[in-house]
N, C-alpha and C. Protein backbone atom coordinates (compact mmCIF):
# COMPACT_ATOMS: atom_id res chain seq x y z
N MET A 1 0.85 -1.17 0.00
CA MET A 1 0.00 0.00 0.00
C MET A 1 0.90 1.24 0.00
N PRO A 2 0.83 2.06 -1.03
CA PRO A 2 1.70 3.24 -1.08
C PRO A 2 1.33 4.26 0.00
N LEU A 3 2.35 4.99 0.43
CA LEU A 3 2.14 6.01 1.45
C LEU A 3 1.53 7.27 0.84
N THR A 4 0.63 7.86 1.59
CA THR A 4 0.11 9.16 1.19
C THR A 4 1.17 10.21 1.52
N PRO A 5 1.09 11.40 0.95
CA PRO A 5 2.05 12.44 1.32
C PRO A 5 2.04 12.72 2.83
N GLU A 6 0.88 12.67 3.46
CA GLU A 6 0.79 12.89 4.91
C GLU A 6 1.50 11.78 5.68
N GLU A 7 1.31 10.53 5.27
CA GLU A 7 1.98 9.41 5.93
C GLU A 7 3.49 9.52 5.76
N GLU A 8 3.93 9.93 4.59
CA GLU A 8 5.36 10.10 4.35
C GLU A 8 5.92 11.20 5.27
N ARG A 9 5.18 12.28 5.41
CA ARG A 9 5.60 13.39 6.27
C ARG A 9 5.66 12.96 7.74
N MET A 10 4.73 12.13 8.17
CA MET A 10 4.63 11.71 9.58
C MET A 10 5.56 10.54 9.92
N ARG A 11 6.13 9.91 8.92
CA ARG A 11 6.95 8.72 9.15
C ARG A 11 8.08 8.98 10.14
N GLY A 12 8.70 10.14 10.07
CA GLY A 12 9.84 10.45 10.94
C GLY A 12 9.50 10.57 12.41
N ILE A 13 8.21 10.71 12.73
CA ILE A 13 7.80 10.81 14.14
C ILE A 13 6.91 9.64 14.55
N THR A 14 6.99 8.55 13.76
CA THR A 14 6.13 7.38 13.98
C THR A 14 6.96 6.15 14.29
N ALA A 15 6.58 5.44 15.34
CA ALA A 15 7.18 4.15 15.70
C ALA A 15 6.07 3.11 15.68
N CYS A 16 6.43 1.87 15.39
CA CYS A 16 5.45 0.78 15.39
C CYS A 16 5.90 -0.31 16.36
N PHE A 17 4.97 -1.21 16.64
CA PHE A 17 5.20 -2.32 17.57
C PHE A 17 4.93 -3.65 16.89
N THR A 18 5.69 -4.65 17.28
CA THR A 18 5.41 -6.02 16.90
C THR A 18 5.88 -6.92 18.03
N GLY A 19 5.14 -7.97 18.30
CA GLY A 19 5.53 -8.86 19.39
C GLY A 19 4.64 -10.08 19.47
N HIS A 20 5.04 -10.97 20.31
CA HIS A 20 4.33 -12.24 20.45
C HIS A 20 2.96 -12.07 21.13
N ARG A 21 2.11 -13.01 20.86
CA ARG A 21 0.76 -13.02 21.44
C ARG A 21 0.77 -13.49 22.88
N GLN A 22 1.68 -14.38 23.20
CA GLN A 22 1.76 -14.93 24.56
C GLN A 22 2.83 -14.18 25.34
N LEU A 23 2.44 -13.63 26.48
CA LEU A 23 3.38 -12.95 27.37
C LEU A 23 3.36 -13.69 28.70
N GLU A 24 4.54 -13.95 29.23
CA GLU A 24 4.63 -14.64 30.51
C GLU A 24 4.31 -13.67 31.65
N ASP A 25 3.34 -14.04 32.49
CA ASP A 25 2.93 -13.18 33.60
C ASP A 25 4.11 -12.78 34.48
N SER A 26 5.03 -13.71 34.71
CA SER A 26 6.16 -13.43 35.60
C SER A 26 7.09 -12.36 35.01
N ARG A 27 7.08 -12.18 33.70
CA ARG A 27 7.95 -11.20 33.05
C ARG A 27 7.27 -9.86 32.78
N LEU A 28 5.97 -9.77 33.03
CA LEU A 28 5.23 -8.56 32.69
C LEU A 28 5.73 -7.30 33.42
N PRO A 29 5.97 -7.33 34.73
CA PRO A 29 6.42 -6.09 35.39
C PRO A 29 7.70 -5.52 34.77
N ALA A 30 8.68 -6.37 34.51
CA ALA A 30 9.93 -5.90 33.90
C ALA A 30 9.70 -5.45 32.47
N LEU A 31 8.86 -6.16 31.75
CA LEU A 31 8.55 -5.79 30.36
C LEU A 31 7.88 -4.42 30.31
N VAL A 32 6.93 -4.17 31.19
CA VAL A 32 6.25 -2.87 31.24
C VAL A 32 7.24 -1.76 31.56
N MET A 33 8.14 -2.01 32.50
CA MET A 33 9.14 -0.98 32.85
C MET A 33 10.04 -0.66 31.65
N ARG A 34 10.50 -1.70 30.95
CA ARG A 34 11.37 -1.46 29.78
C ARG A 34 10.59 -0.76 28.67
N LEU A 35 9.36 -1.18 28.44
CA LEU A 35 8.54 -0.56 27.40
C LEU A 35 8.29 0.91 27.72
N ASP A 36 7.95 1.21 28.96
CA ASP A 36 7.74 2.61 29.36
C ASP A 36 9.00 3.43 29.17
N SER A 37 10.15 2.88 29.53
CA SER A 37 11.41 3.61 29.36
C SER A 37 11.70 3.88 27.89
N VAL A 38 11.47 2.89 27.05
CA VAL A 38 11.70 3.06 25.61
C VAL A 38 10.72 4.09 25.04
N LEU A 39 9.47 4.03 25.46
CA LEU A 39 8.47 5.00 24.96
C LEU A 39 8.86 6.43 25.36
N HIS A 40 9.29 6.61 26.59
CA HIS A 40 9.70 7.95 27.03
C HIS A 40 10.93 8.42 26.25
N ARG A 41 11.86 7.51 25.97
CA ARG A 41 13.03 7.89 25.19
C ARG A 41 12.63 8.25 23.77
N LEU A 42 11.76 7.46 23.16
CA LEU A 42 11.29 7.78 21.81
C LEU A 42 10.59 9.13 21.80
N TYR A 43 9.78 9.38 22.80
CA TYR A 43 9.10 10.67 22.89
C TYR A 43 10.14 11.80 22.98
N GLY A 44 11.16 11.59 23.78
CA GLY A 44 12.23 12.59 23.90
C GLY A 44 12.99 12.81 22.61
N LEU A 45 12.99 11.81 21.74
CA LEU A 45 13.63 11.92 20.43
C LEU A 45 12.71 12.50 19.37
N GLY A 46 11.48 12.85 19.77
CA GLY A 46 10.56 13.48 18.83
C GLY A 46 9.45 12.61 18.29
N TYR A 47 9.40 11.36 18.70
CA TYR A 47 8.33 10.48 18.23
C TYR A 47 7.02 10.85 18.93
N ARG A 48 5.98 10.98 18.13
CA ARG A 48 4.68 11.35 18.68
C ARG A 48 3.56 10.38 18.28
N ARG A 49 3.80 9.59 17.27
CA ARG A 49 2.79 8.67 16.74
C ARG A 49 3.28 7.24 16.95
N PHE A 50 2.40 6.39 17.49
CA PHE A 50 2.76 5.02 17.80
C PHE A 50 1.72 4.09 17.20
N LEU A 51 2.16 3.20 16.31
CA LEU A 51 1.29 2.28 15.58
C LEU A 51 1.24 0.91 16.25
N SER A 52 0.03 0.44 16.54
CA SER A 52 -0.16 -0.89 17.10
C SER A 52 -1.15 -1.65 16.23
N GLY A 53 -0.90 -2.94 16.07
CA GLY A 53 -1.80 -3.78 15.29
C GLY A 53 -2.97 -4.31 16.08
N GLY A 54 -2.98 -4.10 17.40
CA GLY A 54 -4.13 -4.45 18.22
C GLY A 54 -4.29 -5.91 18.58
N ALA A 55 -3.38 -6.76 18.14
CA ALA A 55 -3.52 -8.19 18.45
C ALA A 55 -3.31 -8.43 19.94
N ARG A 56 -3.77 -9.57 20.39
CA ARG A 56 -3.60 -9.94 21.79
C ARG A 56 -2.11 -10.03 22.11
N GLY A 57 -1.77 -9.87 23.36
CA GLY A 57 -0.39 -9.98 23.78
C GLY A 57 0.33 -8.65 23.71
N PHE A 58 1.50 -8.64 23.08
CA PHE A 58 2.35 -7.45 23.09
C PHE A 58 1.70 -6.25 22.41
N ASP A 59 1.00 -6.45 21.31
CA ASP A 59 0.37 -5.31 20.62
C ASP A 59 -0.55 -4.54 21.56
N GLN A 60 -1.38 -5.26 22.30
CA GLN A 60 -2.31 -4.59 23.21
C GLN A 60 -1.57 -3.97 24.39
N LEU A 61 -0.58 -4.65 24.90
CA LEU A 61 0.21 -4.08 26.00
C LEU A 61 0.87 -2.78 25.54
N ALA A 62 1.47 -2.78 24.37
CA ALA A 62 2.13 -1.57 23.86
C ALA A 62 1.11 -0.45 23.67
N ALA A 63 -0.06 -0.77 23.14
CA ALA A 63 -1.10 0.25 22.96
C ALA A 63 -1.50 0.85 24.31
N GLU A 64 -1.68 0.00 25.31
CA GLU A 64 -2.05 0.50 26.64
C GLU A 64 -0.95 1.38 27.24
N ARG A 65 0.30 1.05 26.99
CA ARG A 65 1.39 1.87 27.53
C ARG A 65 1.48 3.21 26.81
N VAL A 66 1.13 3.26 25.53
CA VAL A 66 1.05 4.55 24.83
C VAL A 66 -0.07 5.38 25.43
N LEU A 67 -1.20 4.76 25.73
CA LEU A 67 -2.30 5.48 26.37
C LEU A 67 -1.86 6.02 27.72
N ALA A 68 -1.08 5.24 28.46
CA ALA A 68 -0.55 5.71 29.75
C ALA A 68 0.43 6.86 29.55
N LEU A 69 1.25 6.78 28.49
CA LEU A 69 2.20 7.84 28.18
C LEU A 69 1.49 9.18 27.97
N ARG A 70 0.31 9.13 27.42
CA ARG A 70 -0.44 10.36 27.17
C ARG A 70 -0.75 11.12 28.46
N GLY A 71 -0.68 10.45 29.61
CA GLY A 71 -0.89 11.13 30.88
C GLY A 71 0.14 12.22 31.13
N SER A 72 1.39 11.96 30.74
CA SER A 72 2.45 12.96 30.92
C SER A 72 2.85 13.62 29.60
N CYS A 73 2.45 13.04 28.50
CA CYS A 73 2.81 13.57 27.17
C CYS A 73 1.54 13.59 26.31
N PRO A 74 0.68 14.58 26.52
CA PRO A 74 -0.64 14.55 25.89
C PRO A 74 -0.66 14.59 24.37
N ASP A 75 0.45 14.95 23.73
CA ASP A 75 0.46 14.95 22.27
C ASP A 75 0.91 13.62 21.68
N ALA A 76 1.17 12.62 22.52
CA ALA A 76 1.46 11.28 22.02
C ALA A 76 0.18 10.70 21.44
N GLN A 77 0.27 10.07 20.29
CA GLN A 77 -0.91 9.54 19.61
C GLN A 77 -0.80 8.03 19.44
N LEU A 78 -1.92 7.36 19.68
CA LEU A 78 -2.02 5.93 19.42
C LEU A 78 -2.79 5.74 18.13
N ILE A 79 -2.13 5.10 17.16
CA ILE A 79 -2.74 4.80 15.87
C ILE A 79 -2.88 3.29 15.79
N MET A 80 -4.10 2.83 15.57
CA MET A 80 -4.35 1.40 15.45
C MET A 80 -4.41 1.03 13.97
N ALA A 81 -3.69 -0.01 13.60
CA ALA A 81 -3.69 -0.54 12.24
C ALA A 81 -4.19 -1.97 12.31
N LEU A 82 -5.45 -2.15 12.00
CA LEU A 82 -6.08 -3.46 12.17
C LEU A 82 -6.06 -4.24 10.85
N PRO A 83 -5.69 -5.50 10.90
CA PRO A 83 -5.61 -6.29 9.67
C PRO A 83 -6.97 -6.48 9.01
N CYS A 84 -7.99 -6.60 9.85
CA CYS A 84 -9.35 -6.81 9.34
C CYS A 84 -10.35 -6.40 10.41
N ALA A 85 -11.55 -6.11 9.97
CA ALA A 85 -12.59 -5.67 10.90
C ALA A 85 -13.00 -6.77 11.86
N THR A 86 -12.71 -8.00 11.50
CA THR A 86 -13.14 -9.15 12.31
C THR A 86 -12.01 -9.73 13.16
N GLN A 87 -10.96 -8.96 13.39
CA GLN A 87 -9.78 -9.47 14.10
C GLN A 87 -10.13 -10.16 15.42
N SER A 88 -11.05 -9.60 16.18
CA SER A 88 -11.33 -10.13 17.52
C SER A 88 -12.50 -11.11 17.56
N ARG A 89 -13.00 -11.51 16.43
CA ARG A 89 -14.21 -12.34 16.36
C ARG A 89 -14.16 -13.59 17.23
N SER A 90 -13.04 -14.28 17.28
CA SER A 90 -12.98 -15.54 18.03
C SER A 90 -12.29 -15.42 19.38
N TRP A 91 -12.03 -14.21 19.82
CA TRP A 91 -11.34 -14.01 21.09
C TRP A 91 -12.27 -14.20 22.27
N PRO A 92 -11.72 -14.56 23.43
CA PRO A 92 -12.53 -14.61 24.66
C PRO A 92 -13.10 -13.21 24.98
N ASP A 93 -14.21 -13.18 25.71
CA ASP A 93 -14.88 -11.92 26.03
C ASP A 93 -13.97 -10.91 26.70
N ALA A 94 -13.16 -11.33 27.64
CA ALA A 94 -12.29 -10.40 28.36
C ALA A 94 -11.31 -9.73 27.39
N ASP A 95 -10.76 -10.49 26.45
CA ASP A 95 -9.84 -9.93 25.47
C ASP A 95 -10.55 -8.97 24.53
N CYS A 96 -11.79 -9.28 24.18
CA CYS A 96 -12.58 -8.38 23.33
C CYS A 96 -12.86 -7.06 24.04
N ARG A 97 -13.18 -7.12 25.32
CA ARG A 97 -13.43 -5.88 26.07
C ARG A 97 -12.16 -5.03 26.15
N ARG A 98 -11.04 -5.66 26.39
CA ARG A 98 -9.76 -4.94 26.44
C ARG A 98 -9.49 -4.27 25.09
N TYR A 99 -9.69 -5.00 24.02
CA TYR A 99 -9.50 -4.50 22.66
C TYR A 99 -10.40 -3.30 22.38
N GLU A 100 -11.66 -3.41 22.75
CA GLU A 100 -12.61 -2.31 22.52
C GLU A 100 -12.24 -1.07 23.32
N ARG A 101 -11.77 -1.27 24.56
CA ARG A 101 -11.32 -0.12 25.37
C ARG A 101 -10.17 0.61 24.67
N ILE A 102 -9.24 -0.16 24.13
CA ILE A 102 -8.10 0.44 23.43
C ILE A 102 -8.58 1.19 22.19
N LEU A 103 -9.43 0.55 21.40
CA LEU A 103 -9.91 1.19 20.18
C LEU A 103 -10.66 2.48 20.46
N CYS A 104 -11.43 2.49 21.54
CA CYS A 104 -12.19 3.70 21.89
C CYS A 104 -11.28 4.86 22.27
N GLN A 105 -10.08 4.58 22.75
CA GLN A 105 -9.16 5.63 23.18
C GLN A 105 -8.12 5.99 22.12
N ALA A 106 -8.08 5.23 21.03
CA ALA A 106 -7.09 5.49 19.98
C ALA A 106 -7.39 6.81 19.28
N ASP A 107 -6.34 7.46 18.82
CA ASP A 107 -6.49 8.70 18.08
C ASP A 107 -6.95 8.45 16.64
N GLU A 108 -6.51 7.34 16.07
CA GLU A 108 -6.91 6.95 14.73
C GLU A 108 -7.00 5.43 14.68
N THR A 109 -7.88 4.93 13.82
CA THR A 109 -7.97 3.49 13.57
C THR A 109 -8.06 3.28 12.07
N HIS A 110 -7.18 2.45 11.55
CA HIS A 110 -7.18 2.11 10.13
C HIS A 110 -7.47 0.62 10.01
N VAL A 111 -8.57 0.27 9.37
CA VAL A 111 -8.94 -1.12 9.14
C VAL A 111 -8.56 -1.44 7.70
N LEU A 112 -7.65 -2.39 7.53
CA LEU A 112 -7.08 -2.65 6.22
C LEU A 112 -7.91 -3.57 5.34
N SER A 113 -8.80 -4.36 5.94
CA SER A 113 -9.69 -5.24 5.17
C SER A 113 -10.98 -5.44 5.96
N PRO A 114 -12.11 -5.51 5.28
CA PRO A 114 -13.36 -5.76 6.01
C PRO A 114 -13.46 -7.17 6.57
N ILE A 115 -12.75 -8.12 5.96
CA ILE A 115 -12.81 -9.51 6.40
C ILE A 115 -11.41 -10.09 6.53
N TYR A 116 -11.32 -11.17 7.30
CA TYR A 116 -10.06 -11.90 7.44
C TYR A 116 -9.77 -12.65 6.14
N TYR A 117 -8.52 -12.68 5.75
CA TYR A 117 -8.04 -13.53 4.67
C TYR A 117 -6.62 -13.96 5.01
N GLN A 118 -6.19 -15.08 4.45
CA GLN A 118 -4.84 -15.55 4.73
C GLN A 118 -3.84 -14.51 4.22
N GLY A 119 -2.98 -14.08 5.12
CA GLY A 119 -1.98 -13.09 4.76
C GLY A 119 -2.31 -11.68 5.23
N CYS A 120 -3.52 -11.46 5.77
CA CYS A 120 -3.89 -10.09 6.17
C CYS A 120 -3.05 -9.59 7.35
N MET A 121 -2.57 -10.49 8.19
CA MET A 121 -1.71 -10.07 9.31
C MET A 121 -0.36 -9.57 8.78
N MET A 122 0.17 -10.26 7.78
CA MET A 122 1.44 -9.83 7.18
C MET A 122 1.27 -8.47 6.49
N VAL A 123 0.14 -8.27 5.82
CA VAL A 123 -0.12 -6.98 5.17
C VAL A 123 -0.17 -5.88 6.23
N ARG A 124 -0.83 -6.14 7.37
CA ARG A 124 -0.89 -5.18 8.46
C ARG A 124 0.51 -4.86 9.00
N ASN A 125 1.32 -5.90 9.20
CA ASN A 125 2.66 -5.70 9.74
C ASN A 125 3.52 -4.84 8.80
N ARG A 126 3.44 -5.11 7.53
CA ARG A 126 4.20 -4.31 6.56
C ARG A 126 3.66 -2.89 6.46
N TYR A 127 2.36 -2.74 6.57
CA TYR A 127 1.75 -1.42 6.58
C TYR A 127 2.33 -0.58 7.71
N MET A 128 2.46 -1.17 8.88
CA MET A 128 2.99 -0.44 10.02
C MET A 128 4.47 -0.09 9.83
N VAL A 129 5.27 -1.06 9.43
CA VAL A 129 6.71 -0.81 9.24
C VAL A 129 6.92 0.26 8.16
N ASP A 130 6.15 0.19 7.09
CA ASP A 130 6.30 1.16 5.99
C ASP A 130 5.99 2.59 6.43
N ARG A 131 5.21 2.75 7.47
CA ARG A 131 4.80 4.07 7.93
C ARG A 131 5.56 4.53 9.17
N ALA A 132 6.57 3.77 9.57
CA ALA A 132 7.33 4.08 10.78
C ALA A 132 8.81 4.27 10.46
N SER A 133 9.48 5.00 11.34
CA SER A 133 10.93 5.14 11.20
C SER A 133 11.65 4.47 12.38
N PHE A 134 10.89 3.75 13.20
CA PHE A 134 11.47 2.97 14.30
C PHE A 134 10.49 1.86 14.65
N CYS A 135 11.02 0.69 15.03
CA CYS A 135 10.18 -0.45 15.38
C CYS A 135 10.59 -0.98 16.75
N VAL A 136 9.61 -1.13 17.62
CA VAL A 136 9.82 -1.71 18.94
C VAL A 136 9.23 -3.11 18.90
N CYS A 137 10.07 -4.10 19.18
CA CYS A 137 9.54 -5.47 19.14
C CYS A 137 9.78 -6.18 20.46
N TYR A 138 9.01 -7.23 20.65
CA TYR A 138 9.21 -8.15 21.76
C TYR A 138 9.36 -9.52 21.13
N LEU A 139 10.61 -9.94 21.00
CA LEU A 139 10.95 -11.15 20.26
C LEU A 139 11.73 -12.10 21.16
N THR A 140 11.09 -13.23 21.49
CA THR A 140 11.75 -14.20 22.37
C THR A 140 11.95 -15.55 21.71
N HIS A 141 11.31 -15.81 20.58
CA HIS A 141 11.53 -17.06 19.85
C HIS A 141 11.43 -16.77 18.35
N MET A 142 12.14 -17.58 17.60
CA MET A 142 12.37 -17.28 16.19
C MET A 142 11.38 -17.97 15.26
N LYS A 143 10.10 -17.75 15.51
CA LYS A 143 9.08 -18.22 14.57
C LYS A 143 7.87 -17.30 14.68
N GLY A 144 7.13 -17.21 13.60
CA GLY A 144 5.90 -16.44 13.61
C GLY A 144 6.03 -15.06 12.99
N GLY A 145 4.94 -14.31 13.10
CA GLY A 145 4.84 -13.01 12.48
C GLY A 145 5.78 -11.97 13.04
N THR A 146 6.14 -12.08 14.31
CA THR A 146 7.06 -11.11 14.90
C THR A 146 8.42 -11.20 14.23
N VAL A 147 8.90 -12.40 14.01
CA VAL A 147 10.19 -12.58 13.35
C VAL A 147 10.14 -12.01 11.93
N SER A 148 9.10 -12.35 11.18
CA SER A 148 9.04 -11.87 9.80
C SER A 148 8.90 -10.34 9.76
N THR A 149 8.23 -9.76 10.73
CA THR A 149 8.11 -8.29 10.78
C THR A 149 9.46 -7.66 11.13
N ALA A 150 10.18 -8.24 12.06
CA ALA A 150 11.51 -7.73 12.42
C ALA A 150 12.46 -7.84 11.23
N VAL A 151 12.41 -8.94 10.51
CA VAL A 151 13.25 -9.11 9.33
C VAL A 151 12.87 -8.07 8.27
N TYR A 152 11.58 -7.86 8.07
CA TYR A 152 11.13 -6.86 7.09
C TYR A 152 11.60 -5.46 7.50
N ALA A 153 11.48 -5.12 8.77
CA ALA A 153 11.94 -3.81 9.23
C ALA A 153 13.44 -3.66 8.94
N SER A 154 14.21 -4.70 9.21
CA SER A 154 15.64 -4.65 8.96
C SER A 154 15.93 -4.45 7.47
N LYS A 155 15.23 -5.19 6.61
CA LYS A 155 15.42 -5.05 5.16
C LYS A 155 15.05 -3.65 4.68
N GLU A 156 14.09 -3.03 5.34
CA GLU A 156 13.65 -1.69 4.96
C GLU A 156 14.44 -0.59 5.67
N ASN A 157 15.49 -1.00 6.38
CA ASN A 157 16.36 -0.05 7.11
C ASN A 157 15.61 0.75 8.17
N VAL A 158 14.63 0.12 8.80
CA VAL A 158 13.92 0.74 9.92
C VAL A 158 14.60 0.23 11.19
N PRO A 159 15.23 1.12 11.96
CA PRO A 159 15.88 0.69 13.20
C PRO A 159 14.90 -0.04 14.11
N LEU A 160 15.42 -1.00 14.84
CA LEU A 160 14.59 -1.90 15.64
C LEU A 160 15.24 -2.11 17.00
N ILE A 161 14.41 -2.13 18.03
CA ILE A 161 14.90 -2.54 19.34
C ILE A 161 14.04 -3.70 19.83
N ASN A 162 14.70 -4.71 20.34
CA ASN A 162 14.01 -5.86 20.92
C ASN A 162 13.98 -5.66 22.44
N ILE A 163 12.81 -5.31 22.97
CA ILE A 163 12.76 -5.01 24.41
C ILE A 163 12.79 -6.26 25.27
N ALA A 164 12.85 -7.43 24.64
CA ALA A 164 13.08 -8.65 25.41
C ALA A 164 14.53 -8.70 25.88
N MET A 165 15.38 -7.87 25.28
CA MET A 165 16.80 -7.84 25.62
C MET A 165 17.06 -6.64 26.53
N GLU A 166 17.25 -6.92 27.80
CA GLU A 166 17.40 -5.86 28.80
C GLU A 166 18.57 -4.93 28.50
N ASP A 167 19.70 -5.47 28.07
CA ASP A 167 20.88 -4.64 27.79
C ASP A 167 20.63 -3.69 26.61
N ALA A 168 19.94 -4.18 25.58
CA ALA A 168 19.64 -3.32 24.42
C ALA A 168 18.75 -2.17 24.85
N CYS A 169 17.78 -2.43 25.70
CA CYS A 169 16.89 -1.36 26.19
C CYS A 169 17.68 -0.34 27.00
N ALA A 170 18.55 -0.81 27.86
CA ALA A 170 19.34 0.11 28.68
C ALA A 170 20.21 1.00 27.81
N ALA A 171 20.82 0.42 26.76
CA ALA A 171 21.66 1.22 25.86
C ALA A 171 20.82 2.23 25.10
N PHE A 172 19.64 1.83 24.65
CA PHE A 172 18.78 2.75 23.90
C PHE A 172 18.30 3.89 24.79
N VAL A 173 17.87 3.57 26.01
CA VAL A 173 17.40 4.60 26.92
C VAL A 173 18.53 5.57 27.25
N ARG A 174 19.72 5.04 27.38
CA ARG A 174 20.89 5.88 27.71
C ARG A 174 21.37 6.68 26.50
N ASP A 175 21.49 6.04 25.32
CA ASP A 175 22.16 6.65 24.17
C ASP A 175 21.23 7.02 23.01
N GLY A 176 19.97 6.59 23.07
CA GLY A 176 19.04 6.89 21.98
C GLY A 176 19.43 6.18 20.70
N LEU A 177 19.13 6.80 19.58
CA LEU A 177 19.36 6.17 18.29
C LEU A 177 20.84 5.93 18.01
N SER A 178 21.73 6.65 18.67
CA SER A 178 23.15 6.44 18.45
C SER A 178 23.60 5.06 18.96
N ALA A 179 22.76 4.42 19.79
CA ALA A 179 23.06 3.08 20.27
C ALA A 179 22.90 2.04 19.17
N PHE A 180 22.32 2.47 18.05
CA PHE A 180 22.03 1.52 16.96
C PHE A 180 22.87 1.80 15.77
């Protein structure tokens, strides 16, 4: 999907997220702290727009942390890029309620397809990377959409930080983009 002139202009202040659907409860407190630190650093570097795909797991956690960031940085924007209008159709009720709360608070929502089709998640992931100049990922195993999105970001020369790696987060928070 080609970028509009507005999307091209906003790319320099836009970061996207990609990560696994399953998050270990025991790792959540540390993950939230690292994510918050990275978000504050990105904000300090001029990032104001944050793209989330809205999927369960890391996407929703990242979206919620952007919403929390707006408490101290009210010009931070949450942009949702949904692969299809039916993304949450088979989710448990609690996950659907969480998803709806996030969507209601988002600054923008882009639905890329009215229905699910094979490959729509990959289209969503590329849509986000193409519109961002930085990618925040949570990558702990080398299979699935998170890996392919990280590889795509790398091929497109979009800097990436894996917040599953504590040392990488510390370097980024300390040194910013020069750490990469």
